[in-house]
Amino acid sequence: MNVGWSSVKEYFTFAWALTPEGYTKETNANCCVHFQASYLPCPSSVEYQFVYVDQRGEVFARSRQFTVAISKPLDELETLTEERDEDEEGGEGDRDGLLLVVPRAQLLQNKLEEKQKEMEKLLDKEWVQKLNRDMQRKEEWLQEKRIKREKKVELGKEKDCAARREEQEVKASLRMNQMEREQQQLERQDEEEHKTSKGEDQPLILPDLTNPIIR
């Protein structure tokens, strides 16, 4: 069937899968279906699928997409077994796979692409690990720089505090000296006032004019 089909009636060709001799119902069995070459589509880039339909007309399983190509010598072909997905299986325990015949060159190309993807994943993983290491080193460097800056700020604060304390001590010393000078000046003023007041308290002696002395 062409890829993109929506109904089992859109088949290109079909073949009956005959029940093998001695088959027991609800058991696994190997079957083989042969398509006549005259009924197959011509080689092209159109993609097809094998669709397995049960006796009730329901889709039982589907193959991977493939294209029809010109036949090649058998020594250039490889056979692969592809397991069906669970949603394409008829029931639990049915694990039979689909036998595929693919060109050896295509198989090698697919393996090469898988290896390349694995290498890319490893390189991506190494790159991510290197990026994480670089980020960790940068974070440690920033942390160390932050600590140094904080220490420098603390040292600056301590210097400012010491300078303020020294300034306060100098101001206090100047105030004490000023107070001492003012105190000394007041004491001198008190002494001078005290001396002046003592001079005013002495009696003034005047001559006795009641008994004049005649010469």
C-alpha atoms as a PDB file:
ATOM      1  CA  MET A   1       0.000   0.000   0.000  1.00  0.00           C
ATOM      2  CA  ASN A   2       1.157   3.517  -0.703  1.00  0.00           C
ATOM      3  CA  VAL A   3       2.394   5.408   2.356  1.00  0.00           C
ATOM      4  CA  GLY A   4      -0.336   7.734   3.593  1.00  0.00           C
ATOM      5  CA  TRP A   5      -3.202   5.291   3.023  1.00  0.00           C
ATOM      6  CA  SER A   6      -6.347   5.748   5.110  1.00  0.00           C
ATOM      7  CA  SER A   7      -8.280   2.590   4.243  1.00  0.00           C
ATOM      8  CA  VAL A   8      -7.309  -1.040   3.568  1.00  0.00           C
ATOM      9  CA  LYS A   9      -9.214  -0.733   0.301  1.00  0.00           C
ATOM     10  CA  GLU A  10      -6.426   1.500  -1.033  1.00  0.00           C
ATOM     11  CA  TYR A  11      -4.101  -1.462  -1.529  1.00  0.00           C
ATOM     12  CA  PHE A  12      -1.865  -1.761  -4.588  1.00  0.00           C
ATOM     13  CA  THR A  13      -1.839  -5.540  -4.543  1.00  0.00           C
ATOM     14  CA  PHE A  14      -2.428  -8.307  -2.007  1.00  0.00           C
ATOM     15  CA  ALA A  15      -1.694 -11.959  -1.341  1.00  0.00           C
ATOM     16  CA  TRP A  16      -3.310 -14.477   1.003  1.00  0.00           C
ATOM     17  CA  ALA A  17      -1.279 -15.773   3.927  1.00  0.00           C
ATOM     18  CA  LEU A  18      -2.153 -19.480   4.106  1.00  0.00           C
ATOM     19  CA  THR A  19      -2.347 -21.209   7.463  1.00  0.00           C
ATOM     20  CA  PRO A  20       0.496 -23.727   7.794  1.00  0.00           C
ATOM     21  CA  GLU A  21      -0.303 -27.370   8.311  1.00  0.00           C
ATOM     22  CA  GLY A  22      -0.654 -28.451  11.901  1.00  0.00           C
ATOM     23  CA  TYR A  23      -1.352 -24.904  13.046  1.00  0.00           C
ATOM     24  CA  THR A  24      -2.890 -24.598  16.516  1.00  0.00           C
ATOM     25  CA  LYS A  25      -5.200 -21.667  17.065  1.00  0.00           C
ATOM     26  CA  GLU A  26      -3.895 -18.726  19.139  1.00  0.00           C
ATOM     27  CA  THR A  27      -0.276 -19.856  18.841  1.00  0.00           C
ATOM     28  CA  ASN A  28       2.639 -18.335  16.948  1.00  0.00           C
ATOM     29  CA  ALA A  29       3.555 -19.676  13.530  1.00  0.00           C
ATOM     30  CA  ASN A  30       5.903 -18.756  10.701  1.00  0.00           C
ATOM     31  CA  CYS A  31       4.211 -17.933   7.421  1.00  0.00           C
ATOM     32  CA  CYS A  32       5.537 -17.024   4.011  1.00  0.00           C
ATOM     33  CA  VAL A  33       3.765 -14.885   1.403  1.00  0.00           C
ATOM     34  CA  HIS A  34       4.909 -14.707  -2.224  1.00  0.00           C
ATOM     35  CA  PHE A  35       4.050 -11.793  -4.497  1.00  0.00           C
ATOM     36  CA  GLN A  36       4.137 -12.308  -8.240  1.00  0.00           C
ATOM     37  CA  ALA A  37       6.561  -9.897  -9.890  1.00  0.00           C
ATOM     38  CA  SER A  38       3.952  -8.876 -12.459  1.00  0.00           C
ATOM     39  CA  TYR A  39       1.702  -7.564  -9.685  1.00  0.00           C
ATOM     40  CA  LEU A  40       4.387  -5.443  -7.999  1.00  0.00           C
ATOM     41  CA  PRO A  41       4.788  -1.710  -8.694  1.00  0.00           C
ATOM     42  CA  CYS A  42       7.555  -0.530 -10.995  1.00  0.00           C
ATOM     43  CA  PRO A  43      10.842   0.653  -9.477  1.00  0.00           C
ATOM     44  CA  SER A  44      10.501   4.259  -8.337  1.00  0.00           C
ATOM     45  CA  SER A  45      10.974   6.567  -5.350  1.00  0.00           C
ATOM     46  CA  VAL A  46       7.370   6.047  -4.208  1.00  0.00           C
ATOM     47  CA  GLU A  47       7.215   4.628  -0.687  1.00  0.00           C
ATOM     48  CA  TYR A  48       5.078   1.624   0.212  1.00  0.00           C
ATOM     49  CA  GLN A  49       4.169  -0.454   3.271  1.00  0.00           C
ATOM     50  CA  PHE A  50       3.228  -4.058   3.854  1.00  0.00           C
ATOM     51  CA  VAL A  51      -0.068  -4.062   5.752  1.00  0.00           C
ATOM     52  CA  TYR A  52      -1.213  -7.220   7.541  1.00  0.00           C
ATOM     53  CA  VAL A  53      -4.994  -7.573   7.720  1.00  0.00           C
ATOM     54  CA  ASP A  54      -6.670 -10.297   9.796  1.00  0.00           C
ATOM     55  CA  GLN A  55      -9.713 -12.349   8.868  1.00  0.00           C
ATOM     56  CA  ARG A  56     -12.014  -9.681  10.280  1.00  0.00           C
ATOM     57  CA  GLY A  57     -10.549  -7.025   7.975  1.00  0.00           C
ATOM     58  CA  GLU A  58      -8.760  -5.174  10.786  1.00  0.00           C
ATOM     59  CA  VAL A  59      -5.185  -3.975  10.470  1.00  0.00           C
ATOM     60  CA  PHE A  60      -2.987  -6.385  12.383  1.00  0.00           C
ATOM     61  CA  ALA A  61       0.465  -4.915  11.693  1.00  0.00           C
ATOM     62  CA  ARG A  62       2.405  -2.659   9.338  1.00  0.00           C
ATOM     63  CA  SER A  63       5.931  -2.793   8.014  1.00  0.00           C
ATOM     64  CA  ARG A  64       8.386   0.078   7.772  1.00  0.00           C
ATOM     65  CA  GLN A  65       8.329   2.223   4.658  1.00  0.00           C
ATOM     66  CA  PHE A  66      10.230   0.962   1.614  1.00  0.00           C
ATOM     67  CA  THR A  67      10.680   1.619  -2.096  1.00  0.00           C
ATOM     68  CA  VAL A  68      10.728  -0.785  -5.014  1.00  0.00           C
ATOM     69  CA  ALA A  69      14.061  -0.947  -6.829  1.00  0.00           C
ATOM     70  CA  ILE A  70      15.697  -2.991  -9.529  1.00  0.00           C
ATOM     71  CA  SER A  71      16.837  -6.365  -8.254  1.00  0.00           C
ATOM     72  CA  LYS A  72      20.511  -6.801  -7.391  1.00  0.00           C
ATOM     73  CA  PRO A  73      22.765  -9.844  -7.079  1.00  0.00           C
ATOM     74  CA  LEU A  74      22.176 -11.822  -3.901  1.00  0.00           C
ATOM     75  CA  ASP A  75      25.718 -11.215  -2.678  1.00  0.00           C
ATOM     76  CA  GLU A  76      24.901  -7.492  -2.493  1.00  0.00           C
ATOM     77  CA  LEU A  77      21.829  -8.046  -0.311  1.00  0.00           C
ATOM     78  CA  GLU A  78      21.424  -8.561   3.432  1.00  0.00           C
ATOM     79  CA  THR A  79      18.481  -9.891   5.425  1.00  0.00           C
ATOM     80  CA  LEU A  80      17.314  -8.218   8.624  1.00  0.00           C
ATOM     81  CA  THR A  81      14.627  -9.040  11.137  1.00  0.00           C
ATOM     82  CA  GLU A  82      12.558  -6.087  12.288  1.00  0.00           C
ATOM     83  CA  GLU A  83      10.459  -6.439  15.425  1.00  0.00           C
ATOM     84  CA  ARG A  84       6.954  -5.074  15.295  1.00  0.00           C
ATOM     85  CA  ASP A  85       5.805  -2.409  17.718  1.00  0.00           C
ATOM     86  CA  GLU A  86       3.394  -3.346  20.475  1.00  0.00           C
ATOM     87  CA  ASP A  87       0.612  -1.220  19.003  1.00  0.00           C
ATOM     88  CA  GLU A  88       0.998  -3.091  15.712  1.00  0.00           C
ATOM     89  CA  GLU A  89       0.998  -6.587  17.278  1.00  0.00           C
ATOM     90  CA  GLY A  90      -2.021  -8.812  17.466  1.00  0.00           C
ATOM     91  CA  GLY A  91      -1.625  -9.489  21.172  1.00  0.00           C
ATOM     92  CA  GLU A  92       0.771  -9.829  24.049  1.00  0.00           C
ATOM     93  CA  GLY A  93       3.499 -12.394  23.551  1.00  0.00           C
ATOM     94  CA  ASP A  94       3.434 -12.044  19.759  1.00  0.00           C
ATOM     95  CA  ARG A  95       7.041 -11.009  19.175  1.00  0.00           C
ATOM     96  CA  ASP A  96       7.666 -12.341  15.651  1.00  0.00           C
ATOM     97  CA  GLY A  97       9.536  -9.884  13.451  1.00  0.00           C
ATOM     98  CA  LEU A  98       9.428  -8.871   9.824  1.00  0.00           C
ATOM     99  CA  LEU A  99      12.176 -10.253   7.587  1.00  0.00           C
ATOM    100  CA  LEU A 100      13.643  -7.482   5.451  1.00  0.00           C
ATOM    101  CA  VAL A 101      15.952  -7.748   2.466  1.00  0.00           C
ATOM    102  CA  VAL A 102      18.035  -4.597   2.021  1.00  0.00           C
ATOM    103  CA  PRO A 103      21.077  -3.710  -0.098  1.00  0.00           C
ATOM    104  CA  ARG A 104      24.366  -4.181   1.707  1.00  0.00           C
ATOM    105  CA  ALA A 105      25.443  -0.673   0.802  1.00  0.00           C
ATOM    106  CA  GLN A 106      22.312   0.731   2.406  1.00  0.00           C
ATOM    107  CA  LEU A 107      22.854  -1.392   5.512  1.00  0.00           C
ATOM    108  CA  LEU A 108      26.443  -0.174   5.814  1.00  0.00           C
ATOM    109  CA  GLN A 109      25.304   3.407   5.250  1.00  0.00           C
ATOM    110  CA  ASN A 110      22.699   3.067   8.004  1.00  0.00           C
ATOM    111  CA  LYS A 111      25.283   1.630  10.392  1.00  0.00           C
ATOM    112  CA  LEU A 112      27.681   4.416   9.510  1.00  0.00           C
ATOM    113  CA  GLU A 113      25.003   7.031  10.212  1.00  0.00           C
ATOM    114  CA  GLU A 114      24.196   5.361  13.540  1.00  0.00           C
ATOM    115  CA  LYS A 115      27.889   5.430  14.511  1.00  0.00           C
ATOM    116  CA  GLN A 116      28.114   9.069  13.502  1.00  0.00           C
ATOM    117  CA  LYS A 117      25.099   9.893  15.666  1.00  0.00           C
ATOM    118  CA  GLU A 118      26.679   8.038  18.589  1.00  0.00           C
ATOM    119  CA  MET A 119      29.920   9.975  18.079  1.00  0.00           C
ATOM    120  CA  GLU A 120      27.990  13.246  17.940  1.00  0.00           C
ATOM    121  CA  LYS A 121      26.255  12.371  21.192  1.00  0.00           C
ATOM    122  CA  LEU A 122      29.603  11.558  22.815  1.00  0.00           C
ATOM    123  CA  LEU A 123      31.118  14.778  21.500  1.00  0.00           C
ATOM    124  CA  ASP A 124      28.092  16.715  22.704  1.00  0.00           C
ATOM    125  CA  LYS A 125      28.429  15.045  26.092  1.00  0.00           C
ATOM    126  CA  GLU A 126      32.137  15.905  26.293  1.00  0.00           C
ATOM    127  CA  TRP A 127      31.378  19.454  25.186  1.00  0.00           C
ATOM    128  CA  VAL A 128      28.682  19.787  27.850  1.00  0.00           C
ATOM    129  CA  GLN A 129      31.058  18.417  30.482  1.00  0.00           C
ATOM    130  CA  LYS A 130      33.787  20.845  29.379  1.00  0.00           C
ATOM    131  CA  LEU A 131      31.271  23.688  29.441  1.00  0.00           C
ATOM    132  CA  ASN A 132      30.204  22.685  32.959  1.00  0.00           C
ATOM    133  CA  ARG A 133      33.839  22.605  34.099  1.00  0.00           C
ATOM    134  CA  ASP A 134      34.493  26.018  32.581  1.00  0.00           C
ATOM    135  CA  MET A 135      31.386  27.425  34.226  1.00  0.00           C
ATOM    136  CA  GLN A 136      32.403  25.926  37.573  1.00  0.00           C
ATOM    137  CA  ARG A 137      35.898  27.436  37.317  1.00  0.00           C
ATOM    138  CA  LYS A 138      34.431  30.796  36.379  1.00  0.00           C
ATOM    139  CA  GLU A 139      31.993  30.614  39.279  1.00  0.00           C
ATOM    140  CA  GLU A 140      34.837  29.792  41.679  1.00  0.00           C
ATOM    141  CA  TRP A 141      36.853  32.717  40.277  1.00  0.00           C
ATOM    142  CA  LEU A 142      33.894  35.069  40.719  1.00  0.00           C
ATOM    143  CA  GLN A 143      33.350  33.775  44.261  1.00  0.00           C
ATOM    144  CA  GLU A 144      37.016  34.372  45.119  1.00  0.00           C
ATOM    145  CA  LYS A 145      36.862  37.845  43.602  1.00  0.00           C
ATOM    146  CA  ARG A 146      33.662  38.570  45.540  1.00  0.00           C
ATOM    147  CA  ILE A 147      35.318  37.480  48.802  1.00  0.00           C
ATOM    148  CA  LYS A 148      38.348  39.703  48.112  1.00  0.00           C
ATOM    149  CA  ARG A 149      36.075  42.633  47.356  1.00  0.00           C
ATOM    150  CA  GLU A 150      34.116  42.066  50.556  1.00  0.00           C
ATOM    151  CA  LYS A 151      37.358  41.892  52.553  1.00  0.00           C
ATOM    152  CA  LYS A 152      38.530  45.090  50.917  1.00  0.00           C
ATOM    153  CA  VAL A 153      35.245  46.783  51.798  1.00  0.00           C
ATOM    154  CA  GLU A 154      35.505  45.544  55.386  1.00  0.00           C
ATOM    155  CA  LEU A 155      39.100  46.796  55.599  1.00  0.00           C
ATOM    156  CA  GLY A 156      37.991  50.157  54.249  1.00  0.00           C
ATOM    157  CA  LYS A 157      35.224  50.290  56.834  1.00  0.00           C
ATOM    158  CA  GLU A 158      37.710  49.483  59.604  1.00  0.00           C
ATOM    159  CA  LYS A 159      40.035  52.225  58.356  1.00  0.00           C
ATOM    160  CA  ASP A 160      37.132  54.683  58.253  1.00  0.00           C
ATOM    161  CA  CYS A 161      36.108  53.711  61.777  1.00  0.00           C
ATOM    162  CA  ALA A 162      39.703  54.114  63.019  1.00  0.00           C
ATOM    163  CA  ALA A 163      39.971  57.520  61.304  1.00  0.00           C
ATOM    164  CA  ARG A 164      36.672  58.629  62.839  1.00  0.00           C
ATOM    165  CA  ARG A 165      37.787  57.442  66.276  1.00  0.00           C
ATOM    166  CA  GLU A 166      41.083  59.303  65.900  1.00  0.00           C
ATOM    167  CA  GLU A 167      39.229  62.412  64.771  1.00  0.00           C
ATOM    168  CA  GLN A 168      36.862  62.159  67.713  1.00  0.00           C
ATOM    169  CA  GLU A 169      39.796  61.735  70.107  1.00  0.00           C
ATOM    170  CA  VAL A 170      41.520  64.803  68.634  1.00  0.00           C
ATOM    171  CA  LYS A 171      38.321  66.834  68.928  1.00  0.00           C
ATOM    172  CA  ALA A 172      37.840  65.654  72.511  1.00  0.00           C
ATOM    173  CA  SER A 173      41.434  66.575  73.329  1.00  0.00           C
ATOM    174  CA  LEU A 174      40.958  70.030  71.787  1.00  0.00           C
ATOM    175  CA  ARG A 175      37.761  70.520  73.763  1.00  0.00           C
ATOM    176  CA  MET A 176      39.534  69.523  76.978  1.00  0.00           C
ATOM    177  CA  ASN A 177      42.376  71.940  76.252  1.00  0.00           C
ATOM    178  CA  GLN A 178      39.871  74.693  75.469  1.00  0.00           C
ATOM    179  CA  MET A 179      37.979  73.978  78.667  1.00  0.00           C
ATOM    180  CA  GLU A 180      41.213  74.017  80.674  1.00  0.00           C
ATOM    181  CA  ARG A 181      42.225  77.379  79.162  1.00  0.00           C
ATOM    182  CA  GLU A 182      38.772  78.780  79.849  1.00  0.00           C
ATOM    183  CA  GLN A 183      38.952  77.464  83.405  1.00  0.00           C
ATOM    184  CA  GLN A 184      42.371  79.040  83.913  1.00  0.00           C
ATOM    185  CA  GLN A 185      41.124  82.320  82.468  1.00  0.00           C
ATOM    186  CA  LEU A 186      38.145  82.287  84.801  1.00  0.00           C
ATOM    187  CA  GLU A 187      40.386  81.558  87.751  1.00  0.00           C
ATOM    188  CA  ARG A 188      42.641  84.517  86.841  1.00  0.00           C
ATOM    189  CA  GLN A 189      39.622  86.765  86.489  1.00  0.00           C
ATOM    190  CA  ASP A 190      38.397  85.643  89.903  1.00  0.00           C
ATOM    191  CA  GLU A 191      41.775  86.357  91.448  1.00  0.00           C
ATOM    192  CA  GLU A 192      41.893  89.828  89.919  1.00  0.00           C
ATOM    193  CA  GLU A 193      38.365  90.583  91.065  1.00  0.00           C
ATOM    194  CA  HIS A 194      39.203  89.317  94.514  1.00  0.00           C
ATOM    195  CA  LYS A 195      42.259  91.570  94.714  1.00  0.00           C
ATOM    196  CA  THR A 196      40.229  94.546  93.526  1.00  0.00           C
ATOM    197  CA  SER A 197      37.528  93.929  96.078  1.00  0.00           C
ATOM    198  CA  LYS A 198      40.134  93.800  98.863  1.00  0.00           C
ATOM    199  CA  GLY A 199      41.470  97.240  97.865  1.00  0.00           C
ATOM    200  CA  GLU A 200      37.989  98.821  98.099  1.00  0.00           C
ATOM    201  CA  ASP A 201      37.376  97.412 101.568  1.00  0.00           C
ATOM    202  CA  GLN A 202      40.396  99.316 103.209  1.00  0.00           C
ATOM    203  CA  PRO A 203      39.240 102.560 105.192  1.00  0.00           C
ATOM    204  CA  LEU A 204      40.104 105.963 103.868  1.00  0.00           C
ATOM    205  CA  ILE A 205      42.044 108.022 106.530  1.00  0.00           C
ATOM    206  CA  LEU A 206      41.243 111.754 106.476  1.00  0.00           C
ATOM    207  CA  PRO A 207      42.974 114.482 108.536  1.00  0.00           C
ATOM    208  CA  ASP A 208      41.278 115.782 111.762  1.00  0.00           C
ATOM    209  CA  LEU A 209      40.347 119.402 111.133  1.00  0.00           C
ATOM    210  CA  THR A 210      38.717 120.009 114.535  1.00  0.00           C
ATOM    211  CA  ASN A 211      42.023 120.700 116.248  1.00  0.00           C
ATOM    212  CA  PRO A 212      44.046 122.588 113.770  1.00  0.00           C
ATOM    213  CA  ILE A 213      47.675 122.879 114.398  1.00  0.00           C
ATOM    214  CA  ILE A 214      48.901 126.398 114.480  1.00  0.00           C
ATOM    215  CA  ARG A 215      52.436 127.040 113.557  1.00  0.00           C
END
